[in-house]
């Protein structure tokens, strides 16, 4: 039975190599505090959510991994008045220059995810409903902001 018929697609489950999973796309500020979350199925690519993530964000620099290195995303970041700091994808014919010292600060988002995944409920996704899962993601984010 397809995922859409069972209602799992609306609950942000997607089939990946490990089975049904959920992917959390997030932004964080320079201190590593979460600012925005978007849930998708585990089979969805990162770059599909890049534009909605940066839509209402204000920043001088936007740090991201090379999964977000497309010309459309780079142009959107430039239009917002920010500088994209992204390692060039290996398929790019003309690699882009980026500030390597600022790029080292990209681990702030990884540290943010590590703090949020200290909550077992977030790390294992016990919640069946997407609205319940994202709600607890926000609760975990509040705790990260308060620490």
N, C-alpha and C. Protein backbone atom coordinates (compact mmCIF):
# COMPACT_ATOMS: atom_id res chain seq x y z
N UNK A 1 0.84 -1.17 0.00
CA UNK A 1 0.00 0.00 0.00
C UNK A 1 0.90 1.25 0.00
N UNK A 2 0.67 2.20 -0.92
CA UNK A 2 1.50 3.41 -0.97
C UNK A 2 1.39 4.24 0.30
N UNK A 3 2.43 5.04 0.56
CA UNK A 3 2.46 5.86 1.77
C UNK A 3 1.30 6.85 1.83
N UNK A 4 0.92 7.42 0.69
CA UNK A 4 -0.13 8.43 0.68
C UNK A 4 -1.46 7.84 1.12
N UNK A 5 -1.73 6.58 0.78
CA UNK A 5 -3.00 5.96 1.16
C UNK A 5 -3.07 5.70 2.65
N UNK A 6 -1.95 5.46 3.28
CA UNK A 6 -1.95 5.19 4.72
C UNK A 6 -1.86 6.46 5.55
N UNK A 7 -1.69 7.61 4.92
CA UNK A 7 -1.64 8.87 5.64
C UNK A 7 -0.27 9.21 6.21
N UNK A 8 0.74 8.42 5.91
CA UNK A 8 2.05 8.67 6.49
C UNK A 8 2.76 9.83 5.81
N UNK A 9 2.42 10.09 4.57
CA UNK A 9 3.06 11.20 3.87
C UNK A 9 2.69 12.54 4.52
N UNK A 10 1.43 12.67 4.95
CA UNK A 10 1.01 13.91 5.60
C UNK A 10 1.63 14.04 6.99
N UNK A 11 2.13 12.95 7.55
CA UNK A 11 2.77 12.99 8.86
C UNK A 11 4.29 13.10 8.75
N UNK A 12 4.78 13.44 7.56
CA UNK A 12 6.20 13.70 7.29
C UNK A 12 7.07 12.47 7.50
N UNK A 13 6.57 11.31 7.09
CA UNK A 13 7.38 10.11 7.05
C UNK A 13 7.78 9.89 5.60
N UNK A 14 9.01 9.49 5.36
CA UNK A 14 9.46 9.19 4.01
C UNK A 14 10.34 7.96 4.03
N UNK A 15 10.28 7.19 2.99
CA UNK A 15 11.07 5.97 2.93
C UNK A 15 12.48 6.29 2.47
N UNK A 16 13.45 5.89 3.28
CA UNK A 16 14.85 6.03 2.93
C UNK A 16 15.51 4.66 3.11
N UNK A 17 16.83 4.60 3.04
CA UNK A 17 17.54 3.32 3.16
C UNK A 17 17.22 2.60 4.46
N UNK A 18 17.06 3.34 5.54
CA UNK A 18 16.82 2.74 6.85
C UNK A 18 15.36 2.49 7.16
N UNK A 19 14.47 2.73 6.22
CA UNK A 19 13.04 2.57 6.47
C UNK A 19 12.35 3.92 6.52
N UNK A 20 11.23 3.97 7.21
CA UNK A 20 10.49 5.22 7.32
C UNK A 20 11.20 6.17 8.28
N UNK A 21 11.39 7.40 7.85
CA UNK A 21 12.09 8.37 8.69
C UNK A 21 11.58 9.78 8.41
N UNK A 22 12.01 10.69 9.25
CA UNK A 22 11.67 12.10 9.14
C UNK A 22 12.96 12.89 9.13
N UNK A 23 12.99 13.94 8.32
CA UNK A 23 14.16 14.81 8.27
C UNK A 23 13.78 16.17 8.84
N UNK A 24 14.62 16.66 9.73
CA UNK A 24 14.40 17.98 10.34
C UNK A 24 15.37 18.96 9.68
N UNK A 25 14.82 19.97 9.02
CA UNK A 25 15.63 21.04 8.44
C UNK A 25 15.54 22.20 9.42
N UNK A 26 16.68 22.81 9.73
CA UNK A 26 16.68 23.84 10.77
C UNK A 26 17.67 24.95 10.45
N UNK A 27 17.42 26.10 11.06
CA UNK A 27 18.38 27.20 11.04
C UNK A 27 18.74 27.53 12.48
N UNK A 28 19.91 28.10 12.64
CA UNK A 28 20.37 28.50 13.98
C UNK A 28 21.07 29.84 13.84
N UNK A 29 21.10 30.58 14.94
CA UNK A 29 21.82 31.85 14.94
C UNK A 29 23.31 31.60 15.19
N UNK A 30 24.07 32.66 15.31
CA UNK A 30 25.52 32.52 15.45
C UNK A 30 25.93 31.88 16.77
N UNK A 31 25.03 31.85 17.76
CA UNK A 31 25.33 31.23 19.04
C UNK A 31 24.89 29.76 19.08
N UNK A 32 24.29 29.29 18.00
CA UNK A 32 23.85 27.90 17.96
C UNK A 32 22.46 27.69 18.52
N UNK A 33 21.69 28.74 18.67
CA UNK A 33 20.32 28.62 19.15
C UNK A 33 19.38 28.46 17.96
N UNK A 34 18.46 27.50 18.00
CA UNK A 34 17.58 27.25 16.86
C UNK A 34 16.64 28.42 16.60
N UNK A 35 16.40 28.69 15.32
CA UNK A 35 15.51 29.78 14.95
C UNK A 35 14.33 29.33 14.10
N UNK A 36 14.45 28.21 13.38
CA UNK A 36 13.34 27.75 12.53
C UNK A 36 13.49 26.27 12.26
N UNK A 37 12.34 25.55 12.23
CA UNK A 37 12.31 24.13 11.89
C UNK A 37 11.33 23.88 10.76
N UNK A 38 11.68 22.95 9.88
CA UNK A 38 10.77 22.44 8.86
C UNK A 38 10.93 20.93 8.85
N UNK A 39 9.81 20.20 8.86
CA UNK A 39 9.83 18.74 8.79
C UNK A 39 9.50 18.28 7.39
N UNK A 40 10.22 17.26 6.92
CA UNK A 40 9.91 16.60 5.66
C UNK A 40 10.13 15.10 5.85
N UNK A 41 9.74 14.35 4.85
CA UNK A 41 10.01 12.92 4.87
C UNK A 41 11.50 12.69 4.71
N UNK A 42 11.97 11.55 5.18
CA UNK A 42 13.39 11.24 5.15
C UNK A 42 13.97 11.11 3.76
N UNK A 43 13.13 10.94 2.75
CA UNK A 43 13.61 10.79 1.39
C UNK A 43 13.75 12.11 0.65
N UNK A 44 13.36 13.21 1.27
CA UNK A 44 13.41 14.51 0.59
C UNK A 44 14.79 15.14 0.72
N UNK A 45 15.23 15.78 -0.35
CA UNK A 45 16.56 16.38 -0.37
C UNK A 45 16.61 17.67 0.45
N UNK A 46 17.81 18.02 0.89
CA UNK A 46 18.01 19.23 1.70
C UNK A 46 17.68 20.51 0.94
N UNK A 47 18.13 20.59 -0.30
CA UNK A 47 18.02 21.87 -1.00
C UNK A 47 16.59 22.26 -1.32
N UNK A 48 15.63 21.34 -1.25
CA UNK A 48 14.24 21.71 -1.51
C UNK A 48 13.68 22.61 -0.42
N UNK A 49 14.27 22.59 0.77
CA UNK A 49 13.77 23.39 1.88
C UNK A 49 14.65 24.60 2.18
N UNK A 50 15.67 24.83 1.40
CA UNK A 50 16.59 25.93 1.67
C UNK A 50 15.92 27.29 1.56
N UNK A 51 15.16 27.51 0.52
CA UNK A 51 14.52 28.82 0.34
C UNK A 51 13.46 29.09 1.42
N UNK A 52 12.61 28.12 1.78
CA UNK A 52 11.69 28.39 2.89
C UNK A 52 12.41 28.63 4.22
N UNK A 53 13.57 28.01 4.44
CA UNK A 53 14.30 28.20 5.69
C UNK A 53 14.84 29.61 5.83
N UNK A 54 15.35 30.18 4.75
CA UNK A 54 15.97 31.51 4.83
C UNK A 54 14.99 32.63 4.52
N UNK A 55 13.74 32.28 4.26
CA UNK A 55 12.73 33.23 3.81
C UNK A 55 12.62 34.48 4.70
N UNK A 56 12.47 34.30 5.98
CA UNK A 56 12.26 35.45 6.88
C UNK A 56 13.44 35.65 7.83
N UNK A 57 14.59 35.12 7.50
CA UNK A 57 15.77 35.22 8.36
C UNK A 57 16.61 36.43 7.96
N UNK A 58 17.21 37.08 8.92
CA UNK A 58 18.13 38.18 8.69
C UNK A 58 19.52 37.75 9.14
N UNK A 59 20.51 37.93 8.27
CA UNK A 59 21.88 37.53 8.62
C UNK A 59 22.87 38.25 7.72
N UNK A 60 24.10 38.35 8.21
CA UNK A 60 25.18 38.88 7.38
C UNK A 60 25.79 37.76 6.54
N UNK A 61 25.85 36.56 7.12
CA UNK A 61 26.40 35.39 6.44
C UNK A 61 25.42 34.23 6.59
N UNK A 62 25.31 33.42 5.56
CA UNK A 62 24.52 32.20 5.62
C UNK A 62 25.47 31.04 5.39
N UNK A 63 25.68 30.24 6.44
CA UNK A 63 26.60 29.11 6.38
C UNK A 63 25.80 27.84 6.12
N UNK A 64 26.27 27.05 5.17
CA UNK A 64 25.57 25.80 4.84
C UNK A 64 26.57 24.82 4.25
N UNK A 65 26.18 23.55 4.23
CA UNK A 65 27.07 22.56 3.62
C UNK A 65 26.84 22.55 2.11
N UNK A 66 27.59 21.71 1.40
CA UNK A 66 27.55 21.76 -0.05
C UNK A 66 26.26 21.21 -0.64
N UNK A 67 25.40 20.63 0.18
CA UNK A 67 24.08 20.21 -0.30
C UNK A 67 23.21 21.40 -0.68
N UNK A 68 23.56 22.57 -0.18
CA UNK A 68 22.80 23.79 -0.46
C UNK A 68 23.49 24.67 -1.51
N UNK A 69 24.45 24.13 -2.22
CA UNK A 69 25.21 24.91 -3.19
C UNK A 69 24.58 24.83 -4.57
N UNK A 70 23.47 25.51 -4.75
CA UNK A 70 22.89 25.67 -6.08
C UNK A 70 22.84 27.16 -6.38
N UNK A 71 22.85 27.49 -7.65
CA UNK A 71 22.88 28.90 -8.03
C UNK A 71 21.62 29.63 -7.57
N UNK A 72 20.47 28.95 -7.57
CA UNK A 72 19.22 29.59 -7.13
C UNK A 72 19.30 29.96 -5.65
N UNK A 73 19.87 29.09 -4.84
CA UNK A 73 19.98 29.37 -3.41
C UNK A 73 20.99 30.48 -3.16
N UNK A 74 22.11 30.44 -3.86
CA UNK A 74 23.14 31.48 -3.72
C UNK A 74 22.57 32.84 -4.13
N UNK A 75 21.80 32.88 -5.21
CA UNK A 75 21.19 34.13 -5.65
C UNK A 75 20.18 34.65 -4.64
N UNK A 76 19.39 33.75 -4.05
CA UNK A 76 18.41 34.16 -3.03
C UNK A 76 19.10 34.73 -1.80
N UNK A 77 20.21 34.14 -1.41
CA UNK A 77 20.96 34.66 -0.26
C UNK A 77 21.53 36.03 -0.58
N UNK A 78 22.08 36.19 -1.77
CA UNK A 78 22.62 37.50 -2.18
C UNK A 78 21.53 38.57 -2.23
N UNK A 79 20.32 38.20 -2.68
CA UNK A 79 19.22 39.16 -2.73
C UNK A 79 18.81 39.63 -1.34
N UNK A 80 19.01 38.81 -0.34
CA UNK A 80 18.68 39.19 1.04
C UNK A 80 19.77 40.07 1.65
N UNK A 81 20.86 40.30 0.91
CA UNK A 81 21.94 41.13 1.42
C UNK A 81 22.93 40.39 2.29
N UNK A 82 22.91 39.08 2.23
CA UNK A 82 23.83 38.26 3.02
C UNK A 82 24.87 37.63 2.10
N UNK A 83 25.93 37.16 2.70
CA UNK A 83 26.98 36.50 1.93
C UNK A 83 26.88 34.99 2.12
N UNK A 84 26.74 34.22 1.04
CA UNK A 84 26.70 32.77 1.18
C UNK A 84 28.09 32.20 1.46
N UNK A 85 28.19 31.39 2.48
CA UNK A 85 29.45 30.74 2.83
C UNK A 85 29.19 29.25 2.74
N UNK A 86 29.39 28.73 1.53
CA UNK A 86 29.07 27.34 1.23
C UNK A 86 30.20 26.72 0.44
N UNK A 87 30.60 25.55 0.83
CA UNK A 87 31.61 24.81 0.08
C UNK A 87 31.01 24.43 -1.27
N UNK A 88 31.76 24.58 -2.35
CA UNK A 88 31.24 24.29 -3.68
C UNK A 88 31.02 22.80 -3.88
N UNK A 89 29.93 22.50 -4.54
CA UNK A 89 29.62 21.11 -4.88
C UNK A 89 30.65 20.61 -5.89
N UNK A 90 30.97 19.34 -5.84
CA UNK A 90 32.00 18.79 -6.72
C UNK A 90 31.58 18.81 -8.18
N UNK A 91 30.30 18.93 -8.47
CA UNK A 91 29.82 18.96 -9.85
C UNK A 91 29.90 20.35 -10.48
N UNK A 92 30.17 21.37 -9.70
CA UNK A 92 30.26 22.74 -10.21
C UNK A 92 31.50 22.89 -11.11
N UNK A 93 31.29 23.43 -12.30
CA UNK A 93 32.41 23.60 -13.24
C UNK A 93 33.36 24.69 -12.77
N UNK A 94 32.82 25.76 -12.24
CA UNK A 94 33.63 26.88 -11.73
C UNK A 94 33.39 26.97 -10.23
N UNK A 95 34.29 26.42 -9.39
CA UNK A 95 34.07 26.47 -7.94
C UNK A 95 34.00 27.92 -7.43
N UNK A 96 33.08 28.14 -6.50
CA UNK A 96 32.91 29.46 -5.92
C UNK A 96 33.92 29.65 -4.78
N UNK A 97 34.32 30.88 -4.58
CA UNK A 97 35.19 31.22 -3.46
C UNK A 97 34.32 31.44 -2.22
N UNK A 98 34.83 31.07 -1.06
CA UNK A 98 34.12 31.29 0.19
C UNK A 98 35.15 31.52 1.28
N UNK A 99 34.72 32.13 2.36
CA UNK A 99 35.60 32.43 3.49
C UNK A 99 35.75 31.18 4.35
N UNK A 100 36.92 30.57 4.31
CA UNK A 100 37.15 29.30 5.02
C UNK A 100 37.11 29.47 6.54
N UNK A 101 37.47 30.64 7.04
CA UNK A 101 37.46 30.86 8.49
C UNK A 101 36.02 30.95 9.01
N UNK A 102 35.15 31.62 8.27
CA UNK A 102 33.75 31.70 8.67
C UNK A 102 33.08 30.33 8.50
N UNK A 103 33.46 29.59 7.47
CA UNK A 103 32.88 28.27 7.21
C UNK A 103 33.11 27.30 8.37
N UNK A 104 34.19 27.49 9.11
CA UNK A 104 34.48 26.62 10.26
C UNK A 104 33.43 26.76 11.36
N UNK A 105 32.70 27.86 11.38
CA UNK A 105 31.66 28.08 12.38
C UNK A 105 30.37 27.32 12.06
N UNK A 106 30.33 26.62 10.95
CA UNK A 106 29.14 25.88 10.53
C UNK A 106 28.78 24.78 11.53
N UNK A 107 29.73 24.36 12.34
CA UNK A 107 29.43 23.31 13.31
C UNK A 107 28.47 23.77 14.40
N UNK A 108 28.11 25.04 14.45
CA UNK A 108 27.14 25.52 15.44
C UNK A 108 25.79 24.82 15.24
N UNK A 109 25.42 24.57 13.99
CA UNK A 109 24.15 23.88 13.74
C UNK A 109 24.24 22.42 14.18
N UNK A 110 25.40 21.81 14.01
CA UNK A 110 25.59 20.42 14.46
C UNK A 110 25.51 20.35 15.99
N UNK A 111 26.11 21.32 16.67
CA UNK A 111 26.03 21.35 18.13
C UNK A 111 24.59 21.57 18.59
N UNK A 112 23.85 22.39 17.85
CA UNK A 112 22.44 22.63 18.18
C UNK A 112 21.65 21.33 18.07
N UNK A 113 21.87 20.56 17.00
CA UNK A 113 21.18 19.29 16.85
C UNK A 113 21.56 18.32 17.96
N UNK A 114 22.82 18.31 18.36
CA UNK A 114 23.24 17.44 19.46
C UNK A 114 22.53 17.80 20.76
N UNK A 115 22.34 19.10 21.02
CA UNK A 115 21.64 19.52 22.23
C UNK A 115 20.17 19.10 22.19
N UNK A 116 19.55 19.26 21.02
CA UNK A 116 18.13 18.92 20.90
C UNK A 116 17.93 17.41 20.97
N UNK A 117 18.87 16.65 20.44
CA UNK A 117 18.72 15.19 20.45
C UNK A 117 19.03 14.58 21.81
N UNK A 118 19.38 15.40 22.79
CA UNK A 118 19.49 14.90 24.15
C UNK A 118 18.11 14.50 24.68
N UNK A 119 17.07 15.04 24.08
CA UNK A 119 15.71 14.66 24.41
C UNK A 119 15.38 13.39 23.63
N UNK A 120 15.16 12.31 24.35
CA UNK A 120 14.92 11.02 23.72
C UNK A 120 13.73 11.06 22.76
N UNK A 121 12.74 11.84 23.12
CA UNK A 121 11.53 11.94 22.32
C UNK A 121 11.83 12.54 20.94
N UNK A 122 12.80 13.43 20.87
CA UNK A 122 13.19 14.03 19.59
C UNK A 122 14.06 13.06 18.81
N UNK A 123 15.01 12.43 19.47
CA UNK A 123 15.98 11.57 18.79
C UNK A 123 15.32 10.34 18.16
N UNK A 124 14.27 9.83 18.78
CA UNK A 124 13.68 8.58 18.29
C UNK A 124 12.35 8.77 17.59
N UNK A 125 11.79 9.94 17.61
CA UNK A 125 10.48 10.26 17.03
C UNK A 125 9.43 9.24 17.42
N UNK A 126 9.10 9.24 18.70
CA UNK A 126 8.01 8.40 19.19
C UNK A 126 6.65 8.94 18.77
N UNK A 127 6.57 10.23 18.50
CA UNK A 127 5.29 10.85 18.15
C UNK A 127 4.84 10.38 16.78
N UNK A 128 3.60 9.97 16.70
CA UNK A 128 3.06 9.50 15.43
C UNK A 128 2.63 10.67 14.54
N UNK A 129 2.17 11.74 15.16
CA UNK A 129 1.70 12.89 14.41
C UNK A 129 2.81 13.92 14.23
N UNK A 130 2.88 14.48 13.03
CA UNK A 130 3.91 15.48 12.73
C UNK A 130 3.75 16.72 13.60
N UNK A 131 2.51 17.11 13.88
CA UNK A 131 2.27 18.31 14.69
C UNK A 131 2.77 18.10 16.12
N UNK A 132 2.65 16.90 16.65
CA UNK A 132 3.15 16.62 18.00
C UNK A 132 4.67 16.62 18.01
N UNK A 133 5.27 16.08 16.96
CA UNK A 133 6.74 16.02 16.90
C UNK A 133 7.34 17.42 16.78
N UNK A 134 6.80 18.23 15.89
CA UNK A 134 7.36 19.59 15.73
C UNK A 134 7.08 20.43 16.97
N UNK A 135 5.99 20.16 17.66
CA UNK A 135 5.71 20.88 18.90
C UNK A 135 6.78 20.58 19.94
N UNK A 136 7.15 19.31 20.06
CA UNK A 136 8.19 19.00 21.05
C UNK A 136 9.56 19.48 20.59
N UNK A 137 9.78 19.56 19.28
CA UNK A 137 11.02 20.18 18.79
C UNK A 137 11.12 21.62 19.28
N UNK A 138 9.99 22.33 19.26
CA UNK A 138 9.98 23.70 19.74
C UNK A 138 10.21 23.77 21.25
N UNK A 139 9.67 22.82 22.00
CA UNK A 139 9.92 22.78 23.44
C UNK A 139 11.41 22.55 23.71
N UNK A 140 12.01 21.61 22.96
CA UNK A 140 13.45 21.38 23.10
C UNK A 140 14.24 22.62 22.72
N UNK A 141 13.80 23.35 21.71
CA UNK A 141 14.48 24.58 21.30
C UNK A 141 14.41 25.64 22.40
N UNK A 142 13.29 25.70 23.09
CA UNK A 142 13.16 26.65 24.20
C UNK A 142 14.17 26.33 25.29
N UNK A 143 14.34 25.05 25.58
CA UNK A 143 15.31 24.64 26.60
C UNK A 143 16.73 25.01 26.16
N UNK A 144 17.04 24.81 24.89
CA UNK A 144 18.36 25.19 24.37
C UNK A 144 18.57 26.69 24.51
N UNK A 145 17.53 27.49 24.21
CA UNK A 145 17.65 28.94 24.35
C UNK A 145 17.85 29.36 25.79
N UNK A 146 17.24 28.64 26.74
CA UNK A 146 17.33 29.02 28.14
C UNK A 146 18.64 28.59 28.81
N UNK A 147 19.38 27.67 28.23
CA UNK A 147 20.62 27.20 28.85
C UNK A 147 21.75 28.14 28.63
